[in-house]
Amino acid sequence: MPETLDTRNVADGERLASVALAAALVTWGYRSRGAGGFAAVLAGGALALRGATGSCPVYSALGMSTGSADAVLGGPGGGADREAVR
């Protein structure tokens, strides 16, 4: 089954940095306009989603995590102890 956004694999500090960088990229992209600005807004949106959810699809694809051990191993609040909805 493919990874979902409920699998947390990003540490809290990294999430905060993602949201901060996302805000800067979206602001710069909106003011710049053009193709470069559009690309910056898209990248900022992806970073905002990463920061808000704590899930990184690149980390998932590489099988890595910087999140807490509970999130990785399925402890309290982790993703592995949740049942799959079919």
N, C-alpha and C. Protein backbone atom coordinates (compact mmCIF):
# COMPACT_ATOMS: atom_id res chain seq x y z
N MET A 1 0.85 -1.18 0.00
CA MET A 1 0.00 0.00 0.00
C MET A 1 0.90 1.24 0.00
N PRO A 2 0.60 2.27 -0.81
CA PRO A 2 1.45 3.46 -0.87
C PRO A 2 1.43 4.25 0.43
N GLU A 3 2.52 4.99 0.65
CA GLU A 3 2.61 5.84 1.83
C GLU A 3 1.52 6.91 1.77
N THR A 4 1.01 7.27 2.92
CA THR A 4 0.00 8.32 2.99
C THR A 4 0.53 9.47 3.82
N LEU A 5 -0.21 10.57 3.83
CA LEU A 5 0.24 11.74 4.57
C LEU A 5 0.15 11.57 6.08
N ASP A 6 -0.42 10.45 6.57
CA ASP A 6 -0.50 10.26 8.01
C ASP A 6 0.76 9.61 8.57
N THR A 7 1.76 9.34 7.74
CA THR A 7 3.03 8.78 8.19
C THR A 7 4.00 9.92 8.44
N ARG A 8 4.27 10.20 9.69
CA ARG A 8 5.15 11.32 10.04
C ARG A 8 6.60 10.87 9.97
N ASN A 9 7.38 11.54 9.15
CA ASN A 9 8.79 11.18 9.02
C ASN A 9 9.71 12.40 9.00
N VAL A 10 9.21 13.54 9.48
CA VAL A 10 9.98 14.78 9.51
C VAL A 10 10.01 15.31 10.94
N ALA A 11 11.20 15.62 11.44
CA ALA A 11 11.37 16.12 12.80
C ALA A 11 10.74 17.51 12.96
N ASP A 12 10.41 17.86 14.19
CA ASP A 12 9.73 19.13 14.46
C ASP A 12 10.52 20.35 13.99
N GLY A 13 11.81 20.38 14.24
CA GLY A 13 12.63 21.52 13.81
C GLY A 13 12.67 21.66 12.31
N GLU A 14 12.72 20.52 11.65
CA GLU A 14 12.72 20.51 10.19
C GLU A 14 11.37 20.96 9.63
N ARG A 15 10.30 20.62 10.34
CA ARG A 15 8.96 21.07 9.92
C ARG A 15 8.86 22.58 10.01
N LEU A 16 9.36 23.14 11.11
CA LEU A 16 9.34 24.59 11.30
C LEU A 16 10.15 25.29 10.22
N ALA A 17 11.32 24.75 9.92
CA ALA A 17 12.16 25.33 8.86
C ALA A 17 11.47 25.24 7.50
N SER A 18 10.77 24.14 7.25
CA SER A 18 10.04 23.98 5.98
C SER A 18 8.96 25.05 5.82
N VAL A 19 8.23 25.30 6.89
CA VAL A 19 7.15 26.31 6.84
C VAL A 19 7.74 27.71 6.65
N ALA A 20 8.84 28.00 7.34
CA ALA A 20 9.47 29.32 7.20
C ALA A 20 9.99 29.53 5.78
N LEU A 21 10.67 28.52 5.23
CA LEU A 21 11.17 28.62 3.87
C LEU A 21 10.01 28.69 2.87
N ALA A 22 8.94 27.96 3.15
CA ALA A 22 7.77 28.00 2.28
C ALA A 22 7.19 29.41 2.21
N ALA A 23 7.08 30.06 3.36
CA ALA A 23 6.54 31.42 3.39
C ALA A 23 7.41 32.36 2.58
N ALA A 24 8.73 32.22 2.71
CA ALA A 24 9.65 33.08 1.96
C ALA A 24 9.54 32.82 0.46
N LEU A 25 9.49 31.55 0.06
CA LEU A 25 9.40 31.22 -1.37
C LEU A 25 8.08 31.69 -1.99
N VAL A 26 6.98 31.48 -1.28
CA VAL A 26 5.68 31.91 -1.81
C VAL A 26 5.64 33.43 -1.93
N THR A 27 6.14 34.13 -0.93
CA THR A 27 6.16 35.59 -0.97
C THR A 27 7.01 36.08 -2.13
N TRP A 28 8.23 35.54 -2.24
CA TRP A 28 9.12 35.94 -3.33
C TRP A 28 8.51 35.58 -4.69
N GLY A 29 7.97 34.39 -4.80
CA GLY A 29 7.38 33.95 -6.06
C GLY A 29 6.20 34.79 -6.48
N TYR A 30 5.36 35.15 -5.52
CA TYR A 30 4.20 35.97 -5.84
C TYR A 30 4.62 37.36 -6.32
N ARG A 31 5.65 37.90 -5.71
CA ARG A 31 6.12 39.23 -6.10
C ARG A 31 6.90 39.21 -7.41
N SER A 32 7.57 38.10 -7.71
CA SER A 32 8.40 38.01 -8.90
C SER A 32 7.61 37.80 -10.18
N ARG A 33 6.53 37.06 -10.05
CA ARG A 33 5.73 36.69 -11.22
C ARG A 33 6.57 35.87 -12.19
N GLY A 34 6.11 35.64 -13.36
CA GLY A 34 6.87 34.90 -14.37
C GLY A 34 7.04 33.43 -14.01
N ALA A 35 7.80 32.71 -14.84
CA ALA A 35 8.01 31.28 -14.67
C ALA A 35 8.79 30.97 -13.39
N GLY A 36 9.81 31.76 -13.10
CA GLY A 36 10.58 31.55 -11.87
C GLY A 36 9.75 31.76 -10.63
N GLY A 37 8.90 32.76 -10.65
CA GLY A 37 8.01 33.02 -9.53
C GLY A 37 7.00 31.90 -9.34
N PHE A 38 6.48 31.40 -10.46
CA PHE A 38 5.52 30.31 -10.40
C PHE A 38 6.17 29.06 -9.81
N ALA A 39 7.40 28.77 -10.23
CA ALA A 39 8.13 27.62 -9.70
C ALA A 39 8.39 27.78 -8.20
N ALA A 40 8.70 29.00 -7.77
CA ALA A 40 8.94 29.27 -6.35
C ALA A 40 7.67 29.07 -5.54
N VAL A 41 6.54 29.49 -6.08
CA VAL A 41 5.26 29.29 -5.38
C VAL A 41 4.93 27.81 -5.27
N LEU A 42 5.17 27.04 -6.33
CA LEU A 42 4.93 25.60 -6.27
C LEU A 42 5.84 24.92 -5.24
N ALA A 43 7.12 25.27 -5.26
CA ALA A 43 8.05 24.70 -4.29
C ALA A 43 7.67 25.10 -2.86
N GLY A 44 7.27 26.34 -2.70
CA GLY A 44 6.83 26.81 -1.38
C GLY A 44 5.60 26.06 -0.91
N GLY A 45 4.68 25.80 -1.81
CA GLY A 45 3.48 25.03 -1.45
C GLY A 45 3.82 23.63 -1.01
N ALA A 46 4.76 22.99 -1.70
CA ALA A 46 5.18 21.64 -1.33
C ALA A 46 5.85 21.65 0.05
N LEU A 47 6.68 22.65 0.30
CA LEU A 47 7.33 22.75 1.61
C LEU A 47 6.33 23.05 2.72
N ALA A 48 5.33 23.86 2.41
CA ALA A 48 4.29 24.16 3.40
C ALA A 48 3.52 22.88 3.76
N LEU A 49 3.19 22.07 2.77
CA LEU A 49 2.50 20.81 3.02
C LEU A 49 3.37 19.88 3.86
N ARG A 50 4.64 19.81 3.53
CA ARG A 50 5.60 18.98 4.27
C ARG A 50 5.68 19.43 5.72
N GLY A 51 5.76 20.73 5.93
CA GLY A 51 5.85 21.25 7.29
C GLY A 51 4.56 21.07 8.07
N ALA A 52 3.44 21.26 7.43
CA ALA A 52 2.15 21.15 8.10
C ALA A 52 1.81 19.71 8.48
N THR A 53 2.15 18.77 7.62
CA THR A 53 1.78 17.36 7.86
C THR A 53 2.86 16.56 8.57
N GLY A 54 4.12 16.99 8.44
CA GLY A 54 5.22 16.23 9.01
C GLY A 54 5.57 15.01 8.18
N SER A 55 5.09 14.99 6.95
CA SER A 55 5.34 13.86 6.06
C SER A 55 6.05 14.34 4.80
N CYS A 56 7.12 13.64 4.43
CA CYS A 56 7.88 13.99 3.24
C CYS A 56 7.88 12.81 2.28
N PRO A 57 7.30 12.97 1.09
CA PRO A 57 7.26 11.86 0.14
C PRO A 57 8.64 11.42 -0.33
N VAL A 58 9.60 12.35 -0.37
CA VAL A 58 10.96 11.98 -0.77
C VAL A 58 11.57 11.07 0.30
N TYR A 59 11.40 11.44 1.58
CA TYR A 59 11.89 10.60 2.66
C TYR A 59 11.24 9.22 2.60
N SER A 60 9.94 9.19 2.34
CA SER A 60 9.23 7.91 2.25
C SER A 60 9.79 7.05 1.13
N ALA A 61 10.04 7.65 -0.02
CA ALA A 61 10.57 6.91 -1.16
C ALA A 61 11.96 6.36 -0.87
N LEU A 62 12.74 7.10 -0.08
CA LEU A 62 14.09 6.67 0.27
C LEU A 62 14.13 5.79 1.52
N GLY A 63 12.97 5.64 2.17
CA GLY A 63 12.90 4.83 3.38
C GLY A 63 13.60 5.44 4.57
N MET A 64 13.63 6.76 4.63
CA MET A 64 14.31 7.43 5.74
C MET A 64 13.35 8.29 6.55
N SER A 65 13.80 8.71 7.72
CA SER A 65 12.99 9.53 8.59
C SER A 65 13.89 10.34 9.51
N THR A 66 13.48 11.57 9.79
CA THR A 66 14.14 12.37 10.82
C THR A 66 13.17 12.63 11.95
N GLY A 67 11.98 12.01 11.86
CA GLY A 67 10.96 12.17 12.89
C GLY A 67 11.31 11.39 14.14
N SER A 68 10.43 11.44 15.14
CA SER A 68 10.68 10.77 16.41
C SER A 68 10.61 9.25 16.24
N ALA A 69 11.24 8.54 17.15
CA ALA A 69 11.22 7.08 17.12
C ALA A 69 9.79 6.56 17.27
N ASP A 70 8.97 7.25 18.06
CA ASP A 70 7.57 6.82 18.21
C ASP A 70 6.85 6.85 16.88
N ALA A 71 7.09 7.89 16.09
CA ALA A 71 6.43 8.00 14.79
C ALA A 71 6.91 6.92 13.84
N VAL A 72 8.20 6.61 13.90
CA VAL A 72 8.78 5.62 13.00
C VAL A 72 8.38 4.21 13.41
N LEU A 73 8.42 3.93 14.72
CA LEU A 73 8.18 2.58 15.21
C LEU A 73 6.72 2.31 15.55
N GLY A 74 5.89 3.34 15.46
CA GLY A 74 4.46 3.13 15.70
C GLY A 74 4.06 3.24 17.15
N GLY A 75 4.82 3.94 17.96
CA GLY A 75 4.47 4.13 19.35
C GLY A 75 3.33 5.13 19.48
N PRO A 76 3.16 5.71 20.66
CA PRO A 76 2.07 6.66 20.88
C PRO A 76 2.07 7.78 19.84
N GLY A 77 0.98 7.89 19.12
CA GLY A 77 0.85 8.92 18.09
C GLY A 77 1.52 8.59 16.79
N GLY A 78 2.20 7.45 16.69
CA GLY A 78 2.90 7.06 15.48
C GLY A 78 1.95 6.51 14.44
N GLY A 79 2.46 6.33 13.23
CA GLY A 79 1.61 5.89 12.14
C GLY A 79 1.38 4.40 12.07
N ALA A 80 2.29 3.57 12.57
CA ALA A 80 2.20 2.12 12.36
C ALA A 80 1.09 1.46 13.17
N ASP A 81 0.62 2.12 14.24
CA ASP A 81 -0.42 1.47 15.05
C ASP A 81 -1.82 1.82 14.55
N ARG A 82 -1.92 2.55 13.49
CA ARG A 82 -3.23 2.89 12.92
C ARG A 82 -3.66 1.80 11.96
N GLU A 83 -4.96 1.54 11.94
CA GLU A 83 -5.46 0.54 11.01
C GLU A 83 -5.68 1.17 9.64
N ALA A 84 -5.42 0.39 8.63
CA ALA A 84 -5.64 0.88 7.27
C ALA A 84 -7.13 0.89 6.98
N VAL A 85 -7.57 1.94 6.33
CA VAL A 85 -8.96 2.05 5.93
C VAL A 85 -9.06 1.51 4.51
N ARG A 86 -9.90 0.53 4.32
CA ARG A 86 -10.04 -0.08 2.99
C ARG A 86 -11.38 0.23 2.41
